[in-house]
Amino acid sequence: MSDHLSESQSNKGNLLRNLLVAIAAVSLSVALFLGLQTEVSSSSLESQVKASTPLDVALTNGKPSLTEFYADWCTSCQAMAGDLAEIKQKYKQDVNFVMLNVDNTKWLPEILRYRVDGIPHFVFIDRSGEAIAETIGEQPRPILEADLDALIANNPLPYTYSKGQVSQFDAPVSAASSNSDDPRSHGAQVQQ
């Protein structure tokens, strides 16, 4: 009888152990899944860069473009990445999406040309390759979509030149200008 009792306790012990192993496996699977989702979100800027249209193509292919100046360290850029990924999917047939990293000195001429002094900085470019408007800082998805709809329809963009929350960026070189009336100079005198 003691052998039968010992075998019953052993079976209960095995059952409990198997249940604990199953719970641990489910918990680890959920944690792994959530961890991979977080990794996808944090690398979404990188994946969007890989899918973006090269600037020279965007300026010459006859489609309107949205050029985004960004940086990997920019919290505002990261905050908008999810919405921008969805917007890019929705508008990819009608709009070029260009991404230029402000930390890459290759883009310094464009940083100076478009006077990038905060990021994210969006430049709306018409079908002929001319910059027609800009928006600086975090923008709500409906605002960006309204601007893109207007860009596609060749109408005035309703929400450009607005200022949202930005990550401060100081260009390594600034454009020399003797015009102290420039609103971006904030009254500072340029030293020659």
Protein backbone atom coordinates (compact mmCIF):
# COMPACT_ATOMS: atom_id res chain seq x y z
CA MET A 1 0.00 0.00 0.00
CA SER A 2 2.84 2.38 0.75
CA ASP A 3 4.20 1.76 -2.77
CA HIS A 4 0.79 2.72 -4.23
CA LEU A 5 0.67 5.88 -2.06
CA SER A 6 4.21 6.81 -3.03
CA GLU A 7 3.41 6.29 -6.75
CA SER A 8 0.29 8.51 -6.42
CA GLN A 9 2.32 11.28 -4.77
CA SER A 10 4.97 10.96 -7.48
CA ASN A 11 2.33 11.32 -10.22
CA LYS A 12 0.94 14.42 -8.50
CA GLY A 13 4.46 15.82 -8.25
CA ASN A 14 5.08 15.18 -11.96
CA LEU A 15 1.74 16.75 -12.84
CA LEU A 16 2.56 19.86 -10.80
CA ARG A 17 6.04 20.07 -12.31
CA ASN A 18 4.64 19.73 -15.85
CA LEU A 19 2.05 22.42 -15.13
CA LEU A 20 4.75 24.79 -13.86
CA VAL A 21 6.90 24.09 -16.94
CA ALA A 22 3.91 24.81 -19.21
CA ILE A 23 3.15 28.09 -17.40
CA ALA A 24 6.80 29.13 -17.64
CA ALA A 25 6.86 28.29 -21.37
CA VAL A 26 3.73 30.36 -22.02
CA SER A 27 5.14 33.26 -19.97
CA LEU A 28 8.44 33.17 -21.86
CA SER A 29 6.61 33.02 -25.20
CA VAL A 30 4.55 36.09 -24.31
CA ALA A 31 7.65 37.95 -23.11
CA LEU A 32 9.53 37.03 -26.29
CA PHE A 33 6.62 38.15 -28.47
CA LEU A 34 6.34 41.49 -26.66
CA GLY A 35 10.09 41.94 -26.81
CA LEU A 36 10.10 41.40 -30.57
CA GLN A 37 7.24 43.89 -30.97
CA THR A 38 9.25 46.49 -29.06
CA GLU A 39 12.30 45.77 -31.21
CA VAL A 40 10.25 46.23 -34.39
CA SER A 41 8.99 49.60 -33.10
CA SER A 42 12.45 50.84 -32.18
CA SER A 43 13.88 49.85 -35.56
CA SER A 44 10.95 51.23 -37.53
CA LEU A 45 12.92 54.38 -38.39
CA GLU A 46 15.64 52.17 -39.85
CA SER A 47 13.17 50.11 -41.87
CA GLN A 48 11.51 53.29 -43.16
CA VAL A 49 14.87 54.65 -44.26
CA LYS A 50 15.55 51.48 -46.25
CA ALA A 51 12.16 51.80 -47.97
CA SER A 52 12.45 55.55 -48.66
CA THR A 53 12.87 57.06 -52.11
CA PRO A 54 16.34 58.46 -52.88
CA LEU A 55 16.28 62.28 -52.97
CA ASP A 56 17.54 62.55 -56.56
CA VAL A 57 14.79 60.20 -57.76
CA ALA A 58 12.10 62.03 -55.77
CA LEU A 59 13.09 65.38 -57.27
CA THR A 60 12.81 64.13 -60.84
CA ASN A 61 10.14 61.41 -61.09
CA GLY A 62 7.12 63.72 -61.36
CA LYS A 63 5.50 62.66 -58.07
CA PRO A 64 5.09 65.01 -55.10
CA SER A 65 7.36 64.23 -52.17
CA LEU A 66 7.52 64.49 -48.42
CA THR A 67 11.10 64.81 -47.24
CA GLU A 68 11.72 64.12 -43.55
CA PHE A 69 14.87 65.32 -41.81
CA TYR A 70 15.32 63.04 -38.80
CA ALA A 71 17.87 61.47 -36.44
CA ASP A 72 17.90 58.08 -34.75
CA TRP A 73 18.26 59.77 -31.34
CA CYS A 74 15.30 62.12 -31.95
CA THR A 75 12.50 61.25 -29.53
CA SER A 76 9.95 63.18 -31.58
CA CYS A 77 10.98 61.26 -34.71
CA GLN A 78 10.63 57.98 -32.81
CA ALA A 79 7.24 59.03 -31.45
CA MET A 80 5.94 59.67 -34.97
CA ALA A 81 7.48 56.56 -36.55
CA GLY A 82 4.43 54.32 -36.14
CA ASP A 83 1.99 56.82 -37.64
CA LEU A 84 4.42 57.68 -40.43
CA ALA A 85 4.84 54.01 -41.32
CA GLU A 86 1.06 53.72 -41.74
CA ILE A 87 0.86 57.00 -43.68
CA LYS A 88 3.63 55.85 -46.01
CA GLN A 89 1.76 52.61 -46.70
CA LYS A 90 -1.44 54.52 -47.43
CA TYR A 91 0.14 57.13 -49.75
CA LYS A 92 3.04 55.21 -51.30
CA GLN A 93 1.44 55.10 -54.77
CA ASP A 94 1.01 58.89 -54.94
CA VAL A 95 3.85 60.38 -52.90
CA ASN A 96 7.62 59.86 -52.63
CA PHE A 97 8.81 59.57 -49.04
CA VAL A 98 12.41 60.70 -48.56
CA MET A 99 14.29 60.42 -45.25
CA LEU A 100 17.50 62.37 -44.63
CA ASN A 101 19.46 61.78 -41.43
CA VAL A 102 20.76 65.09 -40.05
CA ASP A 103 23.74 63.26 -38.53
CA ASN A 104 24.98 62.30 -42.00
CA THR A 105 27.15 65.14 -43.34
CA LYS A 106 26.23 64.05 -46.86
CA TRP A 107 22.95 65.93 -46.33
CA LEU A 108 24.54 69.16 -45.08
CA PRO A 109 23.71 71.06 -48.31
CA GLU A 110 20.04 70.07 -47.91
CA ILE A 111 20.09 70.87 -44.18
CA LEU A 112 21.31 74.37 -45.04
CA ARG A 113 19.06 74.79 -48.07
CA TYR A 114 15.90 73.93 -46.14
CA ARG A 115 17.18 75.65 -42.98
CA VAL A 116 16.73 72.67 -40.72
CA ASP A 117 17.02 73.83 -37.12
CA GLY A 118 14.72 71.35 -35.40
CA ILE A 119 13.66 67.80 -36.13
CA PRO A 120 11.56 66.23 -37.34
CA HIS A 121 11.52 68.76 -40.17
CA PHE A 122 9.21 67.96 -43.09
CA VAL A 123 9.58 69.58 -46.52
CA PHE A 124 6.70 69.21 -48.97
CA ILE A 125 7.93 69.12 -52.57
CA ASP A 126 5.65 69.50 -55.60
CA ARG A 127 5.69 67.39 -58.76
CA SER A 128 8.29 69.64 -60.39
CA GLY A 129 10.76 69.14 -57.52
CA GLU A 130 10.23 72.54 -55.86
CA ALA A 131 9.83 72.88 -52.09
CA ILE A 132 6.47 74.51 -51.47
CA ALA A 133 5.97 74.19 -47.72
CA GLU A 134 7.39 72.83 -44.51
CA THR A 135 6.36 71.71 -41.07
CA ILE A 136 8.60 71.37 -38.05
CA GLY A 137 8.05 69.08 -35.09
CA GLU A 138 5.65 66.32 -34.18
CA GLN A 139 2.51 66.44 -36.29
CA PRO A 140 -0.71 64.53 -35.64
CA ARG A 141 -1.55 61.94 -38.26
CA PRO A 142 -4.75 63.72 -39.46
CA ILE A 143 -2.74 66.92 -40.04
CA LEU A 144 -0.09 65.15 -42.13
CA GLU A 145 -2.74 63.29 -44.09
CA ALA A 146 -4.63 66.53 -44.85
CA ASP A 147 -1.38 68.11 -46.06
CA LEU A 148 -0.57 65.06 -48.21
CA ASP A 149 -4.08 65.04 -49.70
CA ALA A 150 -3.64 68.71 -50.64
CA LEU A 151 -0.14 68.03 -52.01
CA ILE A 152 -1.46 65.24 -54.24
CA ALA A 153 -4.37 67.43 -55.43
CA ASN A 154 -1.97 70.34 -56.07
CA ASN A 155 -3.91 72.51 -53.60
CA PRO A 156 -2.56 74.81 -50.87
CA LEU A 157 -1.43 72.77 -47.88
CA PRO A 158 -3.66 73.64 -44.91
CA TYR A 159 -1.34 72.91 -41.99
CA THR A 160 2.20 73.79 -43.02
CA TYR A 161 4.62 76.10 -41.27
CA SER A 162 3.17 74.97 -37.95
CA LYS A 163 5.47 74.19 -35.07
CA GLY A 164 5.09 71.09 -32.92
CA GLN A 165 7.40 69.58 -30.29
CA VAL A 166 10.93 69.21 -31.69
CA SER A 167 14.26 67.75 -30.71
CA GLN A 168 16.82 70.54 -30.89
CA PHE A 169 19.45 70.13 -33.57
CA ASP A 170 22.42 72.39 -34.23
CA ALA A 171 23.79 72.04 -37.74
CA PRO A 172 27.57 71.58 -37.73
CA VAL A 173 27.82 74.55 -40.12
CA SER A 174 25.44 77.43 -40.59
CA ALA A 175 24.71 79.40 -43.71
CA ALA A 176 26.48 82.76 -43.68
CA SER A 177 23.97 85.53 -44.12
CA SER A 178 24.22 89.23 -43.55
CA ASN A 179 20.44 89.61 -43.36
CA SER A 180 19.68 90.23 -39.69
CA ASP A 181 15.99 90.60 -40.57
CA ASP A 182 15.84 86.86 -41.19
CA PRO A 183 13.18 85.52 -38.77
CA ARG A 184 15.28 82.42 -38.12
CA SER A 185 18.18 84.53 -36.86
CA HIS A 186 16.17 85.54 -33.79
CA GLY A 187 17.92 88.90 -33.85
CA ALA A 188 21.43 87.42 -33.74
CA GLN A 189 24.13 89.20 -35.70
CA VAL A 190 26.19 87.03 -38.04
CA GLN A 191 29.91 87.38 -37.44
CA GLN A 192 32.09 87.59 -40.52
